[in-house]
Amino acid sequence: MSCPHVSGIVGLLKTLHPGWSPAAIKSAIMTTASEMDNSKGPIKDRFYENATPFAYGSGHIQPDLAIDPGLIYDLNVVDYLNLL
């Protein structure tokens, strides 16, 4: 179920910030994510133990913070080519 939720948040961000690239939207979502779940407790893994960053990635998405993240990391084609 994460894919439809993230897709909806991406649509919301693209509507509010039409000039943002896909990399900028990804950055806004990832840099505003939290290590806490929606009950303000630590994110749990499948064994109901505290999860590590390898289990939860960037964390719990917070769309209200992603709308105005303060700082985004933007990339373009040249940046990706330099990476390769």
C-alpha atoms as a PDB file:
ATOM      1  CA  MET A   1       0.000   0.000   0.000  1.00  0.00           C
ATOM      2  CA  SER A   2       2.924   2.399   0.142  1.00  0.00           C
ATOM      3  CA  CYS A   3       2.986   2.949  -3.634  1.00  0.00           C
ATOM      4  CA  PRO A   4      -0.509   4.516  -3.904  1.00  0.00           C
ATOM      5  CA  HIS A   5       0.108   6.656  -0.846  1.00  0.00           C
ATOM      6  CA  VAL A   6       3.457   7.951  -2.076  1.00  0.00           C
ATOM      7  CA  SER A   7       2.020   8.497  -5.569  1.00  0.00           C
ATOM      8  CA  GLY A   8      -0.752  10.623  -4.085  1.00  0.00           C
ATOM      9  CA  ILE A   9       1.749  12.677  -2.094  1.00  0.00           C
ATOM     10  CA  VAL A  10       3.857  13.156  -5.232  1.00  0.00           C
ATOM     11  CA  GLY A  11       0.751  14.384  -7.072  1.00  0.00           C
ATOM     12  CA  LEU A  12       0.012  16.817  -4.252  1.00  0.00           C
ATOM     13  CA  LEU A  13       3.577  18.166  -4.256  1.00  0.00           C
ATOM     14  CA  LYS A  14       3.638  18.478  -8.061  1.00  0.00           C
ATOM     15  CA  THR A  15       0.380  20.454  -7.924  1.00  0.00           C
ATOM     16  CA  LEU A  16       1.732  22.818  -5.283  1.00  0.00           C
ATOM     17  CA  HIS A  17       5.211  23.105  -6.831  1.00  0.00           C
ATOM     18  CA  PRO A  18       4.872  22.575 -10.613  1.00  0.00           C
ATOM     19  CA  GLY A  19       8.485  23.605 -11.256  1.00  0.00           C
ATOM     20  CA  TRP A  20       9.975  20.901  -9.054  1.00  0.00           C
ATOM     21  CA  SER A  21      11.739  18.020 -10.769  1.00  0.00           C
ATOM     22  CA  PRO A  22      11.142  14.382  -9.748  1.00  0.00           C
ATOM     23  CA  ALA A  23      14.452  14.489  -7.853  1.00  0.00           C
ATOM     24  CA  ALA A  24      13.332  17.575  -5.925  1.00  0.00           C
ATOM     25  CA  ILE A  25      10.035  15.925  -4.988  1.00  0.00           C
ATOM     26  CA  LYS A  26      11.846  12.776  -3.864  1.00  0.00           C
ATOM     27  CA  SER A  27      14.205  14.928  -1.805  1.00  0.00           C
ATOM     28  CA  ALA A  28      11.334  16.778  -0.124  1.00  0.00           C
ATOM     29  CA  ILE A  29       9.640  13.515   0.815  1.00  0.00           C
ATOM     30  CA  MET A  30      12.806  11.820   2.065  1.00  0.00           C
ATOM     31  CA  THR A  31      14.288  14.720   4.028  1.00  0.00           C
ATOM     32  CA  THR A  32      11.073  15.369   5.949  1.00  0.00           C
ATOM     33  CA  ALA A  33      10.372  11.724   6.856  1.00  0.00           C
ATOM     34  CA  SER A  34      10.408  10.717  10.524  1.00  0.00           C
ATOM     35  CA  GLU A  35      11.810   7.769  12.440  1.00  0.00           C
ATOM     36  CA  MET A  36       8.592   7.738  14.468  1.00  0.00           C
ATOM     37  CA  ASP A  37       5.331   6.163  13.353  1.00  0.00           C
ATOM     38  CA  ASN A  38       1.955   7.898  13.452  1.00  0.00           C
ATOM     39  CA  SER A  39       1.496   6.967  17.144  1.00  0.00           C
ATOM     40  CA  LYS A  40       4.748   8.832  17.972  1.00  0.00           C
ATOM     41  CA  GLY A  41       6.532   5.582  18.807  1.00  0.00           C
ATOM     42  CA  PRO A  42       9.556   4.098  17.040  1.00  0.00           C
ATOM     43  CA  ILE A  43       8.871   2.288  13.771  1.00  0.00           C
ATOM     44  CA  LYS A  44       8.623  -1.475  14.355  1.00  0.00           C
ATOM     45  CA  ASP A  45       9.856  -4.281  12.107  1.00  0.00           C
ATOM     46  CA  ARG A  46       7.938  -7.440  11.244  1.00  0.00           C
ATOM     47  CA  PHE A  47       8.862  -8.972  14.610  1.00  0.00           C
ATOM     48  CA  TYR A  48       7.478  -5.896  16.447  1.00  0.00           C
ATOM     49  CA  GLU A  49      10.946  -4.840  17.543  1.00  0.00           C
ATOM     50  CA  ASN A  50      12.430  -1.395  16.939  1.00  0.00           C
ATOM     51  CA  ALA A  51      13.357  -1.249  13.278  1.00  0.00           C
ATOM     52  CA  THR A  52      16.711  -0.090  11.922  1.00  0.00           C
ATOM     53  CA  PRO A  53      17.222   2.310   9.008  1.00  0.00           C
ATOM     54  CA  PHE A  54      17.781  -0.754   6.812  1.00  0.00           C
ATOM     55  CA  ALA A  55      14.186  -1.776   7.539  1.00  0.00           C
ATOM     56  CA  TYR A  56      12.382   1.549   7.259  1.00  0.00           C
ATOM     57  CA  GLY A  57      14.509   3.532   4.778  1.00  0.00           C
ATOM     58  CA  SER A  58      13.868   7.261   5.094  1.00  0.00           C
ATOM     59  CA  GLY A  59      11.079   6.698   7.579  1.00  0.00           C
ATOM     60  CA  HIS A  60       7.412   7.596   7.949  1.00  0.00           C
ATOM     61  CA  ILE A  61       6.335  10.102   5.291  1.00  0.00           C
ATOM     62  CA  GLN A  62       4.958  13.409   6.534  1.00  0.00           C
ATOM     63  CA  PRO A  63       3.169  15.137   3.636  1.00  0.00           C
ATOM     64  CA  ASP A  64       2.431  18.285   5.635  1.00  0.00           C
ATOM     65  CA  LEU A  65       6.173  18.845   6.156  1.00  0.00           C
ATOM     66  CA  ALA A  66       7.082  17.834   2.585  1.00  0.00           C
ATOM     67  CA  ILE A  67       4.951  20.699   1.240  1.00  0.00           C
ATOM     68  CA  ASP A  68       7.491  23.195   2.593  1.00  0.00           C
ATOM     69  CA  PRO A  69      10.692  21.241   3.341  1.00  0.00           C
ATOM     70  CA  GLY A  70      12.981  24.255   3.592  1.00  0.00           C
ATOM     71  CA  LEU A  71      15.780  22.589   1.620  1.00  0.00           C
ATOM     72  CA  ILE A  72      15.675  20.220  -1.345  1.00  0.00           C
ATOM     73  CA  TYR A  73      18.433  18.500  -3.250  1.00  0.00           C
ATOM     74  CA  ASP A  74      17.795  18.784  -6.979  1.00  0.00           C
ATOM     75  CA  LEU A  75      19.509  16.770  -9.702  1.00  0.00           C
ATOM     76  CA  ASN A  76      19.517  16.986 -13.470  1.00  0.00           C
ATOM     77  CA  VAL A  77      20.709  14.764 -16.325  1.00  0.00           C
ATOM     78  CA  VAL A  78      24.297  16.016 -16.080  1.00  0.00           C
ATOM     79  CA  ASP A  79      24.414  15.110 -12.376  1.00  0.00           C
ATOM     80  CA  TYR A  80      23.281  11.552 -13.137  1.00  0.00           C
ATOM     81  CA  LEU A  81      25.812  11.228 -15.971  1.00  0.00           C
ATOM     82  CA  ASN A  82      28.590  12.437 -13.677  1.00  0.00           C
ATOM     83  CA  LEU A  83      27.540   9.792 -11.166  1.00  0.00           C
ATOM     84  CA  LEU A  84      27.883   7.072 -13.798  1.00  0.00           C
END
